[in-house]
Amino acid sequence: MKSLTYISFAALLVLKIILVSLYIFRAELNPVFWGTNAIAAEQKTTAEVKTEQPVAVREDRTVDLEVLLQKKAELKVQEEDLKSIRDDIDIKIGKLTKLRAEIKNDLARKETIEGQSLKHLIKAYSAMKPQSAAEVIGKLDKSFAVELLSQMKGESVGAILSFMDREKAARIVEGLAQR
């Protein structure tokens, strides 16, 4: 049984080699060895070259030329389409760049306004009595209170924190320390 398997495997392998050889011979190598383009057949004397008649151009070459001209026209149309698309993309990129610059300017303006209003609040809370400022700052959000107190003078911050609820003051001090 085992030898029968080996024999059938060997037969299939030989058959495959023969088929591949025939395919290669027929498809690729046949013109090289047997065709009129073989190396030995191509060597001609100069006398033979001079006496040869010019080969007539076949009709199918003109058809190929027409197809090529048609393809060239199609490619030209596609090229123009791509150029118009590229121009549209360039215009859109220009608009987006301008919009991006406007957004940057708006953000810078907003930050300036926020900075000015924060400075105004800092002056206002610094001018208040520490006890009154502590009551108001104690009601603010922790992150905003930390931002506000971080930009105030240390003496004012200490006075304000001394009048605040101890737990709220401890959380604000932690936020100030992390900053």
Protein backbone atom coordinates (compact mmCIF):
# COMPACT_ATOMS: atom_id res chain seq x y z
CA MET A 1 0.00 0.00 0.00
CA LYS A 2 2.84 2.32 0.92
CA SER A 3 4.76 1.60 -2.27
CA LEU A 4 1.61 2.23 -4.34
CA THR A 5 1.34 5.70 -2.76
CA TYR A 6 4.99 6.44 -3.55
CA ILE A 7 4.56 5.27 -7.14
CA SER A 8 1.44 7.41 -7.69
CA PHE A 9 3.17 10.42 -6.11
CA ALA A 10 6.21 9.96 -8.38
CA ALA A 11 3.95 9.61 -11.44
CA LEU A 12 2.11 12.83 -10.58
CA LEU A 13 5.40 14.63 -10.05
CA VAL A 14 6.75 13.47 -13.43
CA LEU A 15 3.48 14.46 -15.13
CA LYS A 16 3.67 17.93 -13.54
CA ILE A 17 7.27 18.41 -14.69
CA ILE A 18 6.35 17.38 -18.24
CA LEU A 19 3.35 19.76 -18.35
CA VAL A 20 5.35 22.69 -17.00
CA SER A 21 8.14 21.98 -19.49
CA LEU A 22 5.68 21.90 -22.38
CA TYR A 23 4.09 25.14 -21.24
CA ILE A 24 7.42 26.93 -20.94
CA PHE A 25 8.60 25.53 -24.26
CA ARG A 26 5.40 26.48 -26.04
CA ALA A 27 4.83 29.89 -24.44
CA GLU A 28 8.24 31.40 -24.03
CA LEU A 29 11.13 29.40 -25.41
CA ASN A 30 9.73 28.15 -28.68
CA PRO A 31 10.50 31.37 -30.62
CA VAL A 32 14.01 31.47 -29.21
CA PHE A 33 14.99 27.98 -30.37
CA TRP A 34 12.80 27.24 -33.39
CA GLY A 35 11.42 30.52 -34.66
CA THR A 36 12.77 32.72 -37.38
CA ASN A 37 14.12 35.05 -34.73
CA ALA A 38 16.68 32.55 -33.50
CA ILE A 39 20.19 33.90 -33.13
CA ALA A 40 21.64 31.74 -35.93
CA ALA A 41 18.84 32.73 -38.32
CA GLU A 42 19.26 36.45 -37.61
CA GLN A 43 22.85 36.72 -38.72
CA LYS A 44 22.73 38.07 -42.24
CA THR A 45 25.41 39.31 -44.50
CA THR A 46 25.48 42.90 -45.60
CA ALA A 47 24.54 41.87 -49.13
CA GLU A 48 21.37 40.18 -47.87
CA VAL A 49 20.43 43.24 -45.88
CA LYS A 50 20.71 45.51 -48.91
CA THR A 51 18.64 43.24 -51.17
CA GLU A 52 15.73 42.77 -48.77
CA GLN A 53 12.46 44.32 -49.77
CA PRO A 54 10.89 46.82 -47.33
CA VAL A 55 8.17 45.28 -45.27
CA ALA A 56 4.70 46.66 -45.91
CA VAL A 57 2.88 48.20 -42.95
CA ARG A 58 -0.15 46.19 -42.00
CA GLU A 59 -3.63 47.63 -41.51
CA ASP A 60 -3.80 46.70 -37.83
CA ARG A 61 -1.04 49.23 -37.07
CA THR A 62 -3.29 52.06 -38.23
CA VAL A 63 -6.01 50.71 -35.97
CA ASP A 64 -3.51 50.70 -33.13
CA LEU A 65 -2.61 54.30 -33.96
CA GLU A 66 -6.26 55.31 -33.83
CA VAL A 67 -6.69 53.56 -30.49
CA LEU A 68 -3.57 55.29 -29.18
CA LEU A 69 -4.82 58.68 -30.33
CA GLN A 70 -8.17 58.01 -28.67
CA LYS A 71 -6.44 56.97 -25.43
CA LYS A 72 -4.28 60.09 -25.61
CA ALA A 73 -7.38 62.28 -25.90
CA GLU A 74 -8.99 60.48 -22.95
CA LEU A 75 -5.84 60.94 -20.88
CA LYS A 76 -5.79 64.64 -21.76
CA VAL A 77 -9.39 65.00 -20.56
CA GLN A 78 -8.56 63.13 -17.34
CA GLU A 79 -5.49 65.32 -16.86
CA GLU A 80 -7.63 68.46 -17.19
CA ASP A 81 -10.13 67.03 -14.70
CA LEU A 82 -7.34 66.27 -12.25
CA LYS A 83 -5.93 69.76 -12.70
CA SER A 84 -9.31 71.33 -11.91
CA ILE A 85 -9.67 69.07 -8.87
CA ARG A 86 -6.16 70.05 -7.74
CA ASP A 87 -7.06 73.73 -8.14
CA ASP A 88 -10.23 73.21 -6.08
CA ILE A 89 -8.22 71.50 -3.37
CA ASP A 90 -5.69 74.33 -3.36
CA ILE A 91 -8.49 76.87 -2.98
CA LYS A 92 -10.01 74.89 -0.11
CA ILE A 93 -6.62 74.58 1.59
CA GLY A 94 -6.21 78.35 1.30
CA LYS A 95 -9.64 78.91 2.86
CA LEU A 96 -8.88 76.46 5.67
CA THR A 97 -5.53 78.15 6.34
CA LYS A 98 -7.25 81.54 6.53
CA LEU A 99 -9.94 80.10 8.82
CA ARG A 100 -7.28 78.54 11.04
CA ALA A 101 -5.52 81.91 11.37
CA GLU A 102 -8.82 83.57 12.30
CA ILE A 103 -9.47 80.92 14.95
CA LYS A 104 -5.99 81.44 16.39
CA ASN A 105 -6.58 85.18 16.54
CA ASP A 106 -9.97 84.68 18.20
CA LEU A 107 -8.46 82.32 20.78
CA ALA A 108 -5.66 84.77 21.52
CA ARG A 109 -8.21 87.57 21.90
CA LYS A 110 -10.36 85.41 24.20
CA GLU A 111 -7.35 84.50 26.35
CA THR A 112 -6.40 88.17 26.58
CA ILE A 113 -9.92 89.12 27.65
CA GLU A 114 -10.02 86.29 30.19
CA GLY A 115 -6.62 87.33 31.49
CA GLN A 116 -7.77 90.91 31.83
CA SER A 117 -10.97 89.92 33.62
CA LEU A 118 -8.99 87.63 35.93
CA LYS A 119 -6.61 90.48 36.73
CA HIS A 120 -9.61 92.67 37.43
CA LEU A 121 -11.04 90.05 39.81
CA ILE A 122 -7.66 89.68 41.51
CA LYS A 123 -7.55 93.43 42.14
CA ALA A 124 -11.12 93.39 43.42
CA TYR A 125 -10.56 90.49 45.84
CA SER A 126 -7.26 91.97 46.99
CA ALA A 127 -9.00 95.26 47.79
CA MET A 128 -11.74 93.50 49.78
CA LYS A 129 -11.45 92.74 53.45
CA PRO A 130 -9.98 89.23 53.90
CA GLN A 131 -13.07 87.96 55.71
CA SER A 132 -15.45 89.09 52.91
CA ALA A 133 -13.12 87.76 50.21
CA ALA A 134 -12.91 84.41 52.05
CA GLU A 135 -16.71 84.07 52.06
CA VAL A 136 -16.96 84.74 48.31
CA ILE A 137 -13.95 82.62 47.29
CA GLY A 138 -15.19 79.79 49.50
CA LYS A 139 -18.30 79.56 47.27
CA LEU A 140 -16.27 79.42 44.03
CA ASP A 141 -15.21 76.28 42.19
CA LYS A 142 -11.92 74.89 43.55
CA SER A 143 -10.02 75.13 40.23
CA PHE A 144 -11.10 78.74 39.68
CA ALA A 145 -10.31 79.64 43.28
CA VAL A 146 -6.83 78.09 42.89
CA GLU A 147 -6.30 80.05 39.65
CA LEU A 148 -7.42 83.26 41.29
CA LEU A 149 -5.40 82.86 44.49
CA SER A 150 -2.28 81.71 42.62
CA GLN A 151 -1.98 85.11 41.02
CA MET A 152 -2.57 87.11 44.20
CA LYS A 153 0.13 88.28 46.58
CA GLY A 154 1.06 85.77 49.27
CA GLU A 155 0.04 88.08 52.14
CA SER A 156 -3.46 88.52 50.72
CA VAL A 157 -3.81 84.77 50.08
CA GLY A 158 -2.78 83.97 53.64
CA ALA A 159 -5.22 86.47 55.09
CA ILE A 160 -8.08 85.18 52.93
CA LEU A 161 -7.34 81.49 53.66
CA SER A 162 -7.31 82.18 57.41
CA PHE A 163 -10.98 83.19 57.25
CA MET A 164 -12.10 80.27 55.03
CA ASP A 165 -13.56 76.93 56.07
CA ARG A 166 -10.64 74.66 56.99
CA GLU A 167 -11.55 71.83 54.59
CA LYS A 168 -12.08 74.16 51.64
CA ALA A 169 -8.86 76.03 52.51
CA ALA A 170 -6.97 72.70 52.67
CA ARG A 171 -8.20 71.68 49.18
CA ILE A 172 -7.25 75.07 47.77
CA VAL A 173 -3.80 74.89 49.37
CA GLU A 174 -3.33 71.43 47.80
CA GLY A 175 -4.28 72.88 44.41
CA LEU A 176 -1.85 75.75 44.92
CA ALA A 177 0.93 73.31 45.85
CA GLN A 178 0.31 71.18 42.74
CA ARG A 179 0.49 74.27 40.58
